[in-house]
């Protein structure tokens, strides 16, 4: 009996080792605003391709782009704007030959869910009064959500009212956290970020003509067939359904 058990244990260990050896890891660098939806899509992907292992690294697009510039071991990059994808393409031209645009998004103003502020338009909010003793949470100047916010506020002639009352965060999820904790009265995020939290509410949506279109370009950075397979999967009907449910906009 002991001998049979040892043989079974050896066989099982060998099978697990072989499975691990055959599994291919795909490292995905993705904009912070993609955190929830990519994790959901990843779980669905692994049901179809269990031999592949997905590792996600979520952060501001600028941070990820600069890591890729320094040859960080990423197989796939998804940016929250075209600027940082162009940056990677310039710094690593040999790696970025199949850029595709996945989805779009929109910019919204959020407040804590228990805020007394009613749903309105951005222009109707008196930022001078609202921020007299507080600050507006935005992404910093390098991350896409921060630049979109500055562009929108400038075009709506509101920048002068807020530029000295800004609390800048490293990425959009950090902005969301400020508002979730009730530390600040307002923040500017993507609509999909507001949707994943039960602790904030959208009080206004920025007019789409007040800022450049929010798009998510993606590219493989290695020759791994598995990386290309996952990128193709992100354009599949299954993935599109997840993106749509999360609030991302299709690209026409």
Foldseek 3Di string as FASTA:
>chain_A
DVVVVVVVVVVVVVVVVVLVVQAAEAEEEEEQLCVPLVVVLVVVVCVVVVSYHYHYDYFFLLVVLVCVLVVDPHFKYKHFDVVSVVSNCVSQVVQFDDKDWQFFFFKFKKAWPPDPQAADAPLPDQLLVQQVPAAEEFADPRGPRRVQVCQLCVLSVNCVSHVVRYDHDRHQVVQVVCRLVRVGGMYMHTPLSVVVDPGMDTRHTGPPVSGDIGIMMMGTRDPDPVSVVVVVSCNDPVVVVSCVVSPTHGDD
